[in-house]
Amino acid sequence: MPRDCPECGNPLPPKATQCAGCGYSASGKSGGVVDHSRMRCEWMSAGERCRYAGSISPATLGSGPWYCREHFGCPDMTEGAAIVARSTAAITSGASYSGEAIRDAARRAFVASRQAPALERQPGDD
C-alpha cells in the first residue's frame, strides 16, 4: 500500500526513508535536499538569495550547488551582489524568472508556433 510523506503529501516508494520532494526523513534528520521546487540560484548576498533560475552546477553528478548563468563562475563578491540586486528588481517588476515560469513560457511559445498557420508561398516569392 503506498504511503504519503507526512510533510508535503508526496507519494513515497515502499522502502523510502526520505522524501525526495521536501527532504523529510523518518529519522528526523534532513538529507541535504536541494531546494528543487524553487529552482533558484543559490548565490547569497547580504542575506538575500538570487532570484534567477539556477541551471548551471560545477558538480558532475547533479548534486549542486546550482547557479544562474550570471553567478556561475563569478569570482567578485561586489559583482555577485549587483547581480542579486538586479534579480530582485526583475522579480519585483512583475517578471518571473523562476524555473517553472521559464519552462511554462517556452512550452506556450512552442505550442503557439505549432498552431500558427503555415505561410503559403506565392509565385515569385524568392
PDB file of N, CA and C in Angstrom:
ATOM      1  N   MET A   1       0.850  -1.178   0.000  1.00  0.00           N
ATOM      2  CA  MET A   1       0.000   0.000   0.000  1.00  0.00           C
ATOM      3  C   MET A   1       0.894   1.239   0.000  1.00  0.00           C
ATOM      4  N   PRO A   2       0.691   2.167  -0.944  1.00  0.00           N
ATOM      5  CA  PRO A   2       1.524   3.353  -0.992  1.00  0.00           C
ATOM      6  C   PRO A   2       1.278   4.238   0.226  1.00  0.00           C
ATOM      7  N   ARG A   3       2.310   4.922   0.628  1.00  0.00           N
ATOM      8  CA  ARG A   3       2.177   5.853   1.741  1.00  0.00           C
ATOM      9  C   ARG A   3       2.619   7.227   1.269  1.00  0.00           C
ATOM     10  N   ASP A   4       2.168   8.244   1.980  1.00  0.00           N
ATOM     11  CA  ASP A   4       2.485   9.616   1.614  1.00  0.00           C
ATOM     12  C   ASP A   4       3.397  10.246   2.647  1.00  0.00           C
ATOM     13  N   CYS A   5       4.181  11.228   2.195  1.00  0.00           N
ATOM     14  CA  CYS A   5       5.059  11.976   3.085  1.00  0.00           C
ATOM     15  C   CYS A   5       4.199  12.765   4.083  1.00  0.00           C
ATOM     16  N   PRO A   6       4.512  12.705   5.385  1.00  0.00           N
ATOM     17  CA  PRO A   6       3.716  13.443   6.361  1.00  0.00           C
ATOM     18  C   PRO A   6       3.904  14.958   6.273  1.00  0.00           C
ATOM     19  N   GLU A   7       4.971  15.418   5.609  1.00  0.00           N
ATOM     20  CA  GLU A   7       5.227  16.852   5.497  1.00  0.00           C
ATOM     21  C   GLU A   7       4.558  17.472   4.281  1.00  0.00           C
ATOM     22  N   CYS A   8       4.779  16.879   3.089  1.00  0.00           N
ATOM     23  CA  CYS A   8       4.294  17.505   1.847  1.00  0.00           C
ATOM     24  C   CYS A   8       3.197  16.697   1.140  1.00  0.00           C
ATOM     25  N   GLY A   9       2.985  15.441   1.551  1.00  0.00           N
ATOM     26  CA  GLY A   9       1.932  14.636   0.953  1.00  0.00           C
ATOM     27  C   GLY A   9       2.318  13.911  -0.323  1.00  0.00           C
ATOM     28  N   ASN A  10       3.583  14.054  -0.774  1.00  0.00           N
ATOM     29  CA  ASN A  10       4.016  13.335  -1.975  1.00  0.00           C
ATOM     30  C   ASN A  10       4.009  11.834  -1.708  1.00  0.00           C
ATOM     31  N   PRO A  11       3.644  11.004  -2.706  1.00  0.00           N
ATOM     32  CA  PRO A  11       3.696   9.556  -2.504  1.00  0.00           C
ATOM     33  C   PRO A  11       5.147   9.085  -2.336  1.00  0.00           C
ATOM     34  N   LEU A  12       5.361   8.182  -1.400  1.00  0.00           N
ATOM     35  CA  LEU A  12       6.697   7.637  -1.132  1.00  0.00           C
ATOM     36  C   LEU A  12       6.787   6.205  -1.639  1.00  0.00           C
ATOM     37  N   PRO A  13       7.945   5.822  -2.200  1.00  0.00           N
ATOM     38  CA  PRO A  13       8.147   4.414  -2.574  1.00  0.00           C
ATOM     39  C   PRO A  13       8.071   3.535  -1.322  1.00  0.00           C
ATOM     40  N   PRO A  14       7.795   2.241  -1.478  1.00  0.00           N
ATOM     41  CA  PRO A  14       7.570   1.363  -0.325  1.00  0.00           C
ATOM     42  C   PRO A  14       8.669   1.377   0.736  1.00  0.00           C
ATOM     43  N   LYS A  15       9.936   1.383   0.351  1.00  0.00           N
ATOM     44  CA  LYS A  15      11.006   1.297   1.343  1.00  0.00           C
ATOM     45  C   LYS A  15      11.741   2.624   1.542  1.00  0.00           C
ATOM     46  N   ALA A  16      11.143   3.726   1.126  1.00  0.00           N
ATOM     47  CA  ALA A  16      11.804   5.027   1.238  1.00  0.00           C
ATOM     48  C   ALA A  16      11.903   5.456   2.700  1.00  0.00           C
ATOM     49  N   THR A  17      13.037   6.043   3.045  1.00  0.00           N
ATOM     50  CA  THR A  17      13.218   6.605   4.385  1.00  0.00           C
ATOM     51  C   THR A  17      13.268   8.123   4.336  1.00  0.00           C
ATOM     52  N   GLN A  18      13.228   8.677   3.121  1.00  0.00           N
ATOM     53  CA  GLN A  18      13.303  10.121   2.962  1.00  0.00           C
ATOM     54  C   GLN A  18      12.474  10.550   1.757  1.00  0.00           C
ATOM     55  N   CYS A  19      11.841  11.722   1.872  1.00  0.00           N
ATOM     56  CA  CYS A  19      11.045  12.261   0.771  1.00  0.00           C
ATOM     57  C   CYS A  19      11.955  13.058  -0.159  1.00  0.00           C
ATOM     58  N   ALA A  20      11.919  12.752  -1.449  1.00  0.00           N
ATOM     59  CA  ALA A  20      12.734  13.482  -2.426  1.00  0.00           C
ATOM     60  C   ALA A  20      12.168  14.869  -2.683  1.00  0.00           C
ATOM     61  N   GLY A  21      10.889  15.085  -2.398  1.00  0.00           N
ATOM     62  CA  GLY A  21      10.262  16.375  -2.668  1.00  0.00           C
ATOM     63  C   GLY A  21      10.602  17.453  -1.660  1.00  0.00           C
ATOM     64  N   CYS A  22      10.515  17.120  -0.352  1.00  0.00           N
ATOM     65  CA  CYS A  22      10.720  18.150   0.672  1.00  0.00           C
ATOM     66  C   CYS A  22      11.900  17.863   1.582  1.00  0.00           C
ATOM     67  N   GLY A  23      12.474  16.664   1.528  1.00  0.00           N
ATOM     68  CA  GLY A  23      13.619  16.341   2.359  1.00  0.00           C
ATOM     69  C   GLY A  23      13.257  15.723   3.694  1.00  0.00           C
ATOM     70  N   TYR A  24      11.973  15.524   3.954  1.00  0.00           N
ATOM     71  CA  TYR A  24      11.567  14.916   5.217  1.00  0.00           C
ATOM     72  C   TYR A  24      12.230  13.554   5.359  1.00  0.00           C
ATOM     73  N   SER A  25      12.722  13.273   6.555  1.00  0.00           N
ATOM     74  CA  SER A  25      13.360  11.995   6.818  1.00  0.00           C
ATOM     75  C   SER A  25      12.691  11.343   8.016  1.00  0.00           C
ATOM     76  N   ALA A  26      12.487  10.029   7.944  1.00  0.00           N
ATOM     77  CA  ALA A  26      11.868   9.298   9.044  1.00  0.00           C
ATOM     78  C   ALA A  26      12.737   9.365  10.293  1.00  0.00           C
ATOM     79  N   SER A  27      14.055   9.555  10.107  1.00  0.00           N
ATOM     80  CA  SER A  27      14.958   9.644  11.256  1.00  0.00           C
ATOM     81  C   SER A  27      14.937  11.035  11.875  1.00  0.00           C
ATOM     82  N   GLY A  28      14.275  11.989  11.211  1.00  0.00           N
ATOM     83  CA  GLY A  28      14.205  13.344  11.745  1.00  0.00           C
ATOM     84  C   GLY A  28      15.343  14.230  11.291  1.00  0.00           C
ATOM     85  N   LYS A  29      16.295  13.678  10.538  1.00  0.00           N
ATOM     86  CA  LYS A  29      17.428  14.449  10.052  1.00  0.00           C
ATOM     87  C   LYS A  29      17.194  14.831   8.607  1.00  0.00           C
ATOM     88  N   SER A  30      17.587  16.029   8.257  1.00  0.00           N
ATOM     89  CA  SER A  30      17.458  16.469   6.872  1.00  0.00           C
ATOM     90  C   SER A  30      18.509  15.771   6.032  1.00  0.00           C
ATOM     91  N   GLY A  31      18.144  15.386   4.839  1.00  0.00           N
ATOM     92  CA  GLY A  31      19.069  14.693   3.954  1.00  0.00           C
ATOM     93  C   GLY A  31      19.847  15.631   3.058  1.00  0.00           C
ATOM     94  N   GLY A  32      19.812  16.926   3.324  1.00  0.00           N
ATOM     95  CA  GLY A  32      20.548  17.868   2.493  1.00  0.00           C
ATOM     96  C   GLY A  32      19.958  18.010   1.104  1.00  0.00           C
ATOM     97  N   VAL A  33      18.644  17.960   0.997  1.00  0.00           N
ATOM     98  CA  VAL A  33      17.980  18.046  -0.290  1.00  0.00           C
ATOM     99  C   VAL A  33      18.041  19.481  -0.804  1.00  0.00           C
ATOM    100  N   VAL A  34      18.416  19.640  -2.055  1.00  0.00           N
ATOM    101  CA  VAL A  34      18.463  20.949  -2.692  1.00  0.00           C
ATOM    102  C   VAL A  34      17.041  21.434  -2.910  1.00  0.00           C
ATOM    103  N   ASP A  35      16.831  22.729  -2.845  1.00  0.00           N
ATOM    104  CA  ASP A  35      15.512  23.327  -2.994  1.00  0.00           C
ATOM    105  C   ASP A  35      15.087  23.282  -4.458  1.00  0.00           C
ATOM    106  N   HIS A  36      14.764  22.095  -4.968  1.00  0.00           N
ATOM    107  CA  HIS A  36      14.411  21.938  -6.378  1.00  0.00           C
ATOM    108  C   HIS A  36      13.070  22.578  -6.721  1.00  0.00           C
ATOM    109  N   SER A  37      12.165  22.693  -5.744  1.00  0.00           N
ATOM    110  CA  SER A  37      10.852  23.244  -6.054  1.00  0.00           C
ATOM    111  C   SER A  37      10.946  24.702  -6.479  1.00  0.00           C
ATOM    112  N   ARG A  38      11.942  25.410  -6.030  1.00  0.00           N
ATOM    113  CA  ARG A  38      12.104  26.806  -6.403  1.00  0.00           C
ATOM    114  C   ARG A  38      13.037  26.975  -7.599  1.00  0.00           C
ATOM    115  N   MET A  39      13.969  26.056  -7.776  1.00  0.00           N
ATOM    116  CA  MET A  39      14.922  26.081  -8.897  1.00  0.00           C
ATOM    117  C   MET A  39      15.628  27.427  -9.018  1.00  0.00           C
ATOM    118  N   ARG A  40      15.970  28.016  -7.878  1.00  0.00           N
ATOM    119  CA  ARG A  40      16.630  29.316  -7.885  1.00  0.00           C
ATOM    120  C   ARG A  40      18.125  29.173  -7.684  1.00  0.00           C
ATOM    121  N   CYS A  41      18.853  30.160  -8.189  1.00  0.00           N
ATOM    122  CA  CYS A  41      20.293  30.261  -7.997  1.00  0.00           C
ATOM    123  C   CYS A  41      20.594  30.276  -6.501  1.00  0.00           C
ATOM    124  N   GLU A  42      21.679  29.630  -6.096  1.00  0.00           N
ATOM    125  CA  GLU A  42      21.995  29.509  -4.679  1.00  0.00           C
ATOM    126  C   GLU A  42      22.940  30.595  -4.166  1.00  0.00           C
ATOM    127  N   TRP A  43      23.261  31.591  -4.977  1.00  0.00           N
ATOM    128  CA  TRP A  43      24.150  32.671  -4.553  1.00  0.00           C
ATOM    129  C   TRP A  43      23.429  33.534  -3.520  1.00  0.00           C
ATOM    130  N   MET A  44      24.114  33.816  -2.403  1.00  0.00           N
ATOM    131  CA  MET A  44      23.561  34.655  -1.344  1.00  0.00           C
ATOM    132  C   MET A  44      24.391  35.927  -1.229  1.00  0.00           C
ATOM    133  N   SER A  45      23.702  37.044  -1.007  1.00  0.00           N
ATOM    134  CA  SER A  45      24.373  38.319  -0.788  1.00  0.00           C
ATOM    135  C   SER A  45      23.570  39.104   0.241  1.00  0.00           C
ATOM    136  N   ALA A  46      24.202  39.441   1.360  1.00  0.00           N
ATOM    137  CA  ALA A  46      23.560  40.198   2.441  1.00  0.00           C
ATOM    138  C   ALA A  46      22.245  39.551   2.874  1.00  0.00           C
ATOM    139  N   GLY A  47      22.224  38.231   2.950  1.00  0.00           N
ATOM    140  CA  GLY A  47      21.038  37.511   3.392  1.00  0.00           C
ATOM    141  C   GLY A  47      19.953  37.353   2.342  1.00  0.00           C
ATOM    142  N   GLU A  48      20.189  37.863   1.139  1.00  0.00           N
ATOM    143  CA  GLU A  48      19.214  37.773   0.044  1.00  0.00           C
ATOM    144  C   GLU A  48      19.701  36.747  -0.967  1.00  0.00           C
ATOM    145  N   ARG A  49      18.817  35.845  -1.366  1.00  0.00           N
ATOM    146  CA  ARG A  49      19.167  34.819  -2.347  1.00  0.00           C
ATOM    147  C   ARG A  49      18.828  35.317  -3.743  1.00  0.00           C
ATOM    148  N   CYS A  50      19.701  35.020  -4.705  1.00  0.00           N
ATOM    149  CA  CYS A  50      19.462  35.392  -6.092  1.00  0.00           C
ATOM    150  C   CYS A  50      18.147  34.782  -6.553  1.00  0.00           C
ATOM    151  N   ARG A  51      17.401  35.542  -7.338  1.00  0.00           N
ATOM    152  CA  ARG A  51      16.078  35.081  -7.764  1.00  0.00           C
ATOM    153  C   ARG A  51      16.051  34.561  -9.193  1.00  0.00           C
ATOM    154  N   TYR A  52      17.190  34.552  -9.865  1.00  0.00           N
ATOM    155  CA  TYR A  52      17.227  33.971 -11.204  1.00  0.00           C
ATOM    156  C   TYR A  52      17.218  32.444 -11.085  1.00  0.00           C
ATOM    157  N   ALA A  53      16.861  31.773 -12.161  1.00  0.00           N
ATOM    158  CA  ALA A  53      16.804  30.306 -12.179  1.00  0.00           C
ATOM    159  C   ALA A  53      18.212  29.723 -12.073  1.00  0.00           C
ATOM    160  N   GLY A  54      18.390  28.776 -11.181  1.00  0.00           N
ATOM    161  CA  GLY A  54      19.659  28.076 -11.042  1.00  0.00           C
ATOM    162  C   GLY A  54      19.703  26.916 -12.013  1.00  0.00           C
ATOM    163  N   SER A  55      20.568  27.006 -13.020  1.00  0.00           N
ATOM    164  CA  SER A  55      20.568  25.979 -14.057  1.00  0.00           C
ATOM    165  C   SER A  55      21.955  25.423 -14.355  1.00  0.00           C
ATOM    166  N   ILE A  56      22.997  25.963 -13.718  1.00  0.00           N
ATOM    167  CA  ILE A  56      24.359  25.519 -14.002  1.00  0.00           C
ATOM    168  C   ILE A  56      25.007  25.101 -12.690  1.00  0.00           C
ATOM    169  N   SER A  57      25.679  23.957 -12.701  1.00  0.00           N
ATOM    170  CA  SER A  57      26.334  23.461 -11.500  1.00  0.00           C
ATOM    171  C   SER A  57      27.749  22.996 -11.824  1.00  0.00           C
ATOM    172  N   PRO A  58      28.703  23.251 -10.921  1.00  0.00           N
ATOM    173  CA  PRO A  58      30.051  22.725 -11.137  1.00  0.00           C
ATOM    174  C   PRO A  58      30.139  21.223 -10.836  1.00  0.00           C
ATOM    175  N   ALA A  59      29.130  20.681 -10.153  1.00  0.00           N
ATOM    176  CA  ALA A  59      29.127  19.259  -9.820  1.00  0.00           C
ATOM    177  C   ALA A  59      28.789  18.437 -11.066  1.00  0.00           C
ATOM    178  N   THR A  60      29.405  17.289 -11.176  1.00  0.00           N
ATOM    179  CA  THR A  60      29.170  16.437 -12.347  1.00  0.00           C
ATOM    180  C   THR A  60      28.115  15.353 -12.092  1.00  0.00           C
ATOM    181  N   LEU A  61      27.634  15.253 -10.854  1.00  0.00           N
ATOM    182  CA  LEU A  61      26.657  14.214 -10.536  1.00  0.00           C
ATOM    183  C   LEU A  61      25.259  14.775 -10.276  1.00  0.00           C
ATOM    184  N   GLY A  62      25.054  16.053 -10.561  1.00  0.00           N
ATOM    185  CA  GLY A  62      23.733  16.644 -10.401  1.00  0.00           C
ATOM    186  C   GLY A  62      23.368  17.033  -8.990  1.00  0.00           C
ATOM    187  N   SER A  63      24.345  17.071  -8.088  1.00  0.00           N
ATOM    188  CA  SER A  63      24.037  17.350  -6.686  1.00  0.00           C
ATOM    189  C   SER A  63      24.053  18.833  -6.349  1.00  0.00           C
ATOM    190  N   GLY A  64      24.484  19.691  -7.257  1.00  0.00           N
ATOM    191  CA  GLY A  64      24.531  21.124  -6.986  1.00  0.00           C
ATOM    192  C   GLY A  64      25.850  21.498  -6.336  1.00  0.00           C
ATOM    193  N   PRO A  65      26.013  22.717  -5.943  1.00  0.00           N
ATOM    194  CA  PRO A  65      25.054  23.814  -5.917  1.00  0.00           C
ATOM    195  C   PRO A  65      24.714  24.312  -7.323  1.00  0.00           C
ATOM    196  N   TRP A  66      23.525  24.920  -7.453  1.00  0.00           N
ATOM    197  CA  TRP A  66      23.019  25.393  -8.732  1.00  0.00           C
ATOM    198  C   TRP A  66      23.069  26.912  -8.773  1.00  0.00           C
ATOM    199  N   TYR A  67      23.615  27.454  -9.863  1.00  0.00           N
ATOM    200  CA  TYR A  67      23.742  28.902 -10.028  1.00  0.00           C
ATOM    201  C   TYR A  67      23.094  29.341 -11.338  1.00  0.00           C
ATOM    202  N   CYS A  68      22.718  30.632 -11.389  1.00  0.00           N
ATOM    203  CA  CYS A  68      22.229  31.212 -12.637  1.00  0.00           C
ATOM    204  C   CYS A  68      23.426  31.430 -13.558  1.00  0.00           C
ATOM    205  N   ARG A  69      23.169  31.769 -14.804  1.00  0.00           N
ATOM    206  CA  ARG A  69      24.270  31.933 -15.761  1.00  0.00           C
ATOM    207  C   ARG A  69      25.174  33.101 -15.388  1.00  0.00           C
ATOM    208  N   GLU A  70      24.650  34.094 -14.673  1.00  0.00           N
ATOM    209  CA  GLU A  70      25.470  35.242 -14.301  1.00  0.00           C
ATOM    210  C   GLU A  70      26.353  34.948 -13.096  1.00  0.00           C
ATOM    211  N   HIS A  71      25.866  34.139 -12.146  1.00  0.00           N
ATOM    212  CA  HIS A  71      26.652  33.843 -10.949  1.00  0.00           C
ATOM    213  C   HIS A  71      27.625  32.689 -11.141  1.00  0.00           C
ATOM    214  N   PHE A  72      27.379  31.829 -12.114  1.00  0.00           N
ATOM    215  CA  PHE A  72      28.271  30.688 -12.304  1.00  0.00           C
ATOM    216  C   PHE A  72      29.669  31.196 -12.671  1.00  0.00           C
ATOM    217  N   GLY A  73      30.623  30.897 -11.838  1.00  0.00           N
ATOM    218  CA  GLY A  73      31.995  31.324 -12.072  1.00  0.00           C
ATOM    219  C   GLY A  73      32.265  32.774 -11.704  1.00  0.00           C
ATOM    220  N   CYS A  74      31.327  33.448 -11.048  1.00  0.00           N
ATOM    221  CA  CYS A  74      31.515  34.847 -10.665  1.00  0.00           C
ATOM    222  C   CYS A  74      32.499  34.911  -9.487  1.00  0.00           C
ATOM    223  N   PRO A  75      33.697  35.476  -9.693  1.00  0.00           N
ATOM    224  CA  PRO A  75      34.685  35.499  -8.623  1.00  0.00           C
ATOM    225  C   PRO A  75      34.587  36.737  -7.725  1.00  0.00           C
ATOM    226  N   ASP A  76      33.798  37.718  -8.115  1.00  0.00           N
ATOM    227  CA  ASP A  76      33.770  39.004  -7.430  1.00  0.00           C
ATOM    228  C   ASP A  76      32.501  39.138  -6.591  1.00  0.00           C
ATOM    229  N   MET A  77      32.656  39.314  -5.282  1.00  0.00           N
ATOM    230  CA  MET A  77      31.506  39.439  -4.387  1.00  0.00           C
ATOM    231  C   MET A  77      30.694  40.701  -4.691  1.00  0.00           C
ATOM    232  N   THR A  78      31.370  41.770  -5.102  1.00  0.00           N
ATOM    233  CA  THR A  78      30.666  43.013  -5.418  1.00  0.00           C
ATOM    234  C   THR A  78      29.776  42.823  -6.636  1.00  0.00           C
ATOM    235  N   GLU A  79      30.311  42.202  -7.679  1.00  0.00           N
ATOM    236  CA  GLU A  79      29.514  41.929  -8.877  1.00  0.00           C
ATOM    237  C   GLU A  79      28.395  40.939  -8.550  1.00  0.00           C
ATOM    238  N   GLY A  80      28.693  39.950  -7.701  1.00  0.00           N
ATOM    239  CA  GLY A  80      27.670  38.992  -7.282  1.00  0.00           C
ATOM    240  C   GLY A  80      26.516  39.679  -6.570  1.00  0.00           C
ATOM    241  N   ALA A  81      26.833  40.662  -5.723  1.00  0.00           N
ATOM    242  CA  ALA A  81      25.790  41.413  -5.018  1.00  0.00           C
ATOM    243  C   ALA A  81      24.960  42.234  -6.002  1.00  0.00           C
ATOM    244  N   ALA A  82      25.607  42.800  -7.012  1.00  0.00           N
ATOM    245  CA  ALA A  82      24.885  43.578  -8.027  1.00  0.00           C
ATOM    246  C   ALA A  82      23.936  42.691  -8.822  1.00  0.00           C
ATOM    247  N   ILE A  83      24.362  41.460  -9.110  1.00  0.00           N
ATOM    248  CA  ILE A  83      23.506  40.519  -9.832  1.00  0.00           C
ATOM    249  C   ILE A  83      22.277  40.172  -8.982  1.00  0.00           C
ATOM    250  N   VAL A  84      22.497  39.950  -7.683  1.00  0.00           N
ATOM    251  CA  VAL A  84      21.373  39.664  -6.787  1.00  0.00           C
ATOM    252  C   VAL A  84      20.407  40.841  -6.771  1.00  0.00           C
ATOM    253  N   ALA A  85      20.933  42.055  -6.721  1.00  0.00           N
ATOM    254  CA  ALA A  85      20.071  43.251  -6.732  1.00  0.00           C
ATOM    255  C   ALA A  85      19.270  43.331  -8.027  1.00  0.00           C
ATOM    256  N   ARG A  86      19.915  43.031  -9.172  1.00  0.00           N
ATOM    257  CA  ARG A  86      19.194  43.037 -10.452  1.00  0.00           C
ATOM    258  C   ARG A  86      18.112  41.967 -10.476  1.00  0.00           C
ATOM    259  N   SER A  87      18.428  40.791  -9.919  1.00  0.00           N
ATOM    260  CA  SER A  87      17.436  39.718  -9.914  1.00  0.00           C
ATOM    261  C   SER A  87      16.239  40.093  -9.047  1.00  0.00           C
ATOM    262  N   THR A  88      16.492  40.747  -7.935  1.00  0.00           N
ATOM    263  CA  THR A  88      15.400  41.182  -7.063  1.00  0.00           C
ATOM    264  C   THR A  88      14.547  42.232  -7.755  1.00  0.00           C
ATOM    265  N   ALA A  89      15.188  43.181  -8.435  1.00  0.00           N
ATOM    266  CA  ALA A  89      14.454  44.227  -9.147  1.00  0.00           C
ATOM    267  C   ALA A  89      13.623  43.618 -10.277  1.00  0.00           C
ATOM    268  N   ALA A  90      14.169  42.623 -10.962  1.00  0.00           N
ATOM    269  CA  ALA A  90      13.437  41.993 -12.066  1.00  0.00           C
ATOM    270  C   ALA A  90      12.204  41.270 -11.544  1.00  0.00           C
ATOM    271  N   ILE A  91      12.327  40.624 -10.393  1.00  0.00           N
ATOM    272  CA  ILE A  91      11.203  39.884  -9.822  1.00  0.00           C
ATOM    273  C   ILE A  91      10.138  40.843  -9.329  1.00  0.00           C
ATOM    274  N   THR A  92      10.540  41.914  -8.660  1.00  0.00           N
ATOM    275  CA  THR A  92       9.545  42.854  -8.144  1.00  0.00           C
ATOM    276  C   THR A  92       8.899  43.664  -9.255  1.00  0.00           C
ATOM    277  N   SER A  93       9.497  43.668 -10.454  1.00  0.00           N
ATOM    278  CA  SER A  93       8.889  44.377 -11.580  1.00  0.00           C
ATOM    279  C   SER A  93       7.724  43.599 -12.173  1.00  0.00           C
ATOM    280  N   GLY A  94       7.518  42.380 -11.707  1.00  0.00           N
ATOM    281  CA  GLY A  94       6.399  41.573 -12.196  1.00  0.00           C
ATOM    282  C   GLY A  94       6.828  40.431 -13.098  1.00  0.00           C
ATOM    283  N   ALA A  95       8.049  40.486 -13.620  1.00  0.00           N
ATOM    284  CA  ALA A  95       8.543  39.389 -14.456  1.00  0.00           C
ATOM    285  C   ALA A  95       8.919  38.218 -13.556  1.00  0.00           C
ATOM    286  N   SER A  96       8.692  37.010 -13.992  1.00  0.00           N
ATOM    287  CA  SER A  96       9.044  35.830 -13.221  1.00  0.00           C
ATOM    288  C   SER A  96      10.197  35.103 -13.893  1.00  0.00           C
ATOM    289  N   TYR A  97      11.265  34.900 -13.139  1.00  0.00           N
ATOM    290  CA  TYR A  97      12.429  34.189 -13.656  1.00  0.00           C
ATOM    291  C   TYR A  97      12.593  32.833 -12.970  1.00  0.00           C
ATOM    292  N   SER A  98      11.528  32.328 -12.373  1.00  0.00           N
ATOM    293  CA  SER A  98      11.623  31.014 -11.758  1.00  0.00           C
ATOM    294  C   SER A  98      11.738  29.967 -12.861  1.00  0.00           C
ATOM    295  N   GLY A  99      12.277  28.818 -12.508  1.00  0.00           N
ATOM    296  CA  GLY A  99      12.406  27.741 -13.490  1.00  0.00           C
ATOM    297  C   GLY A  99      11.065  27.330 -14.056  1.00  0.00           C
ATOM    298  N   GLU A 100      10.039  27.312 -13.192  1.00  0.00           N
ATOM    299  CA  GLU A 100       8.706  26.921 -13.644  1.00  0.00           C
ATOM    300  C   GLU A 100       8.161  27.917 -14.666  1.00  0.00           C
ATOM    301  N   ALA A 101       8.336  29.218 -14.400  1.00  0.00           N
ATOM    302  CA  ALA A 101       7.805  30.244 -15.305  1.00  0.00           C
ATOM    303  C   ALA A 101       8.509  30.207 -16.656  1.00  0.00           C
ATOM    304  N   ILE A 102       9.827  30.016 -16.635  1.00  0.00           N
ATOM    305  CA  ILE A 102      10.592  29.949 -17.887  1.00  0.00           C
ATOM    306  C   ILE A 102      10.170  28.721 -18.687  1.00  0.00           C
ATOM    307  N   ARG A 103      10.032  27.589 -18.006  1.00  0.00           N
ATOM    308  CA  ARG A 103       9.608  26.357 -18.680  1.00  0.00           C
ATOM    309  C   ARG A 103       8.210  26.522 -19.276  1.00  0.00           C
ATOM    310  N   ASP A 104       7.287  27.087 -18.501  1.00  0.00           N
ATOM    311  CA  ASP A 104       5.913  27.257 -18.982  1.00  0.00           C
ATOM    312  C   ASP A 104       5.855  28.227 -20.165  1.00  0.00           C
ATOM    313  N   ALA A 105       6.643  29.305 -20.116  1.00  0.00           N
ATOM    314  CA  ALA A 105       6.661  30.257 -21.233  1.00  0.00           C
ATOM    315  C   ALA A 105       7.204  29.596 -22.492  1.00  0.00           C
ATOM    316  N   ALA A 106       8.236  28.772 -22.345  1.00  0.00           N
ATOM    317  CA  ALA A 106       8.802  28.070 -23.502  1.00  0.00           C
ATOM    318  C   ALA A 106       7.781  27.102 -24.095  1.00  0.00           C
ATOM    319  N   ARG A 107       7.040  26.420 -23.230  1.00  0.00           N
ATOM    320  CA  ARG A 107       6.010  25.497 -23.724  1.00  0.00           C
ATOM    321  C   ARG A 107       4.910  26.244 -24.466  1.00  0.00           C
ATOM    322  N   ARG A 108       4.462  27.375 -23.902  1.00  0.00           N
ATOM    323  CA  ARG A 108       3.414  28.158 -24.564  1.00  0.00           C
ATOM    324  C   ARG A 108       3.891  28.650 -25.924  1.00  0.00           C
ATOM    325  N   ALA A 109       5.140  29.116 -26.004  1.00  0.00           N
ATOM    326  CA  ALA A 109       5.676  29.609 -27.277  1.00  0.00           C
ATOM    327  C   ALA A 109       5.763  28.468 -28.294  1.00  0.00           C
ATOM    328  N   PHE A 110       6.169  27.294 -27.840  1.00  0.00           N
ATOM    329  CA  PHE A 110       6.266  26.155 -28.749  1.00  0.00           C
ATOM    330  C   PHE A 110       4.886  25.761 -29.272  1.00  0.00           C
ATOM    331  N   VAL A 111       3.916  25.661 -28.378  1.00  0.00           N
ATOM    332  CA  VAL A 111       2.561  25.284 -28.788  1.00  0.00           C
ATOM    333  C   VAL A 111       1.997  26.323 -29.752  1.00  0.00           C
ATOM    334  N   ALA A 112       2.222  27.598 -29.456  1.00  0.00           N
ATOM    335  CA  ALA A 112       1.723  28.656 -30.339  1.00  0.00           C
ATOM    336  C   ALA A 112       2.380  28.575 -31.714  1.00  0.00           C
ATOM    337  N   SER A 113       3.672  28.244 -31.756  1.00  0.00           N
ATOM    338  CA  SER A 113       4.360  28.155 -33.050  1.00  0.00           C
ATOM    339  C   SER A 113       3.851  26.968 -33.864  1.00  0.00           C
ATOM    340  N   ARG A 114       3.425  25.920 -33.191  1.00  0.00           N
ATOM    341  CA  ARG A 114       2.911  24.742 -33.891  1.00  0.00           C
ATOM    342  C   ARG A 114       1.488  24.968 -34.387  1.00  0.00           C
ATOM    343  N   GLN A 115       0.771  25.892 -33.738  1.00  0.00           N
ATOM    344  CA  GLN A 115      -0.607  26.154 -34.122  1.00  0.00           C
ATOM    345  C   GLN A 115      -0.725  27.303 -35.114  1.00  0.00           C
ATOM    346  N   ALA A 116       0.359  28.016 -35.363  1.00  0.00           N
ATOM    347  CA  ALA A 116       0.318  29.136 -36.298  1.00  0.00           C
ATOM    348  C   ALA A 116       0.073  28.609 -37.708  1.00  0.00           C
ATOM    349  N   PRO A 117      -0.725  29.317 -38.487  1.00  0.00           N
ATOM    350  CA  PRO A 117      -0.971  28.843 -39.856  1.00  0.00           C
ATOM    351  C   PRO A 117       0.315  28.889 -40.679  1.00  0.00           C
ATOM    352  N   ALA A 118       0.476  27.899 -41.506  1.00  0.00           N
ATOM    353  CA  ALA A 118       1.660  27.842 -42.365  1.00  0.00           C
ATOM    354  C   ALA A 118       1.569  28.954 -43.404  1.00  0.00           C
ATOM    355  N   LEU A 119       2.672  29.588 -43.656  1.00  0.00           N
ATOM    356  CA  LEU A 119       2.704  30.649 -44.666  1.00  0.00           C
ATOM    357  C   LEU A 119       2.706  30.011 -46.050  1.00  0.00           C
ATOM    358  N   GLU A 120       1.837  30.481 -46.868  1.00  0.00           N
ATOM    359  CA  GLU A 120       1.743  29.961 -48.228  1.00  0.00           C
ATOM    360  C   GLU A 120       2.697  30.743 -49.120  1.00  0.00           C
ATOM    361  N   ARG A 121       3.455  30.043 -49.903  1.00  0.00           N
ATOM    362  CA  ARG A 121       4.358  30.699 -50.839  1.00  0.00           C
ATOM    363  C   ARG A 121       3.596  31.081 -52.108  1.00  0.00           C
ATOM    364  N   GLN A 122       3.874  32.233 -52.571  1.00  0.00           N
ATOM    365  CA  GLN A 122       3.263  32.734 -53.790  1.00  0.00           C
ATOM    366  C   GLN A 122       4.296  32.692 -54.910  1.00  0.00           C
ATOM    367  N   PRO A 123       3.849  32.564 -56.143  1.00  0.00           N
ATOM    368  CA  PRO A 123       4.797  32.601 -57.244  1.00  0.00           C
ATOM    369  C   PRO A 123       5.580  33.909 -57.211  1.00  0.00           C
ATOM    370  N   GLY A 124       6.878  33.812 -57.375  1.00  0.00           N
ATOM    371  CA  GLY A 124       7.744  34.986 -57.351  1.00  0.00           C
ATOM    372  C   GLY A 124       8.326  35.284 -55.982  1.00  0.00           C
ATOM    373  N   ASP A 125       7.921  34.530 -54.920  1.00  0.00           N
ATOM    374  CA  ASP A 125       8.494  34.708 -53.581  1.00  0.00           C
ATOM    375  C   ASP A 125       9.817  33.963 -53.524  1.00  0.00           C
ATOM    376  N   ASP A 126      10.890  34.664 -53.654  1.00  0.00           N
ATOM    377  CA  ASP A 126      12.202  34.020 -53.541  1.00  0.00           C
ATOM    378  C   ASP A 126      13.098  34.830 -52.667  1.00  0.00           C
TER     379      ASP A 126
END
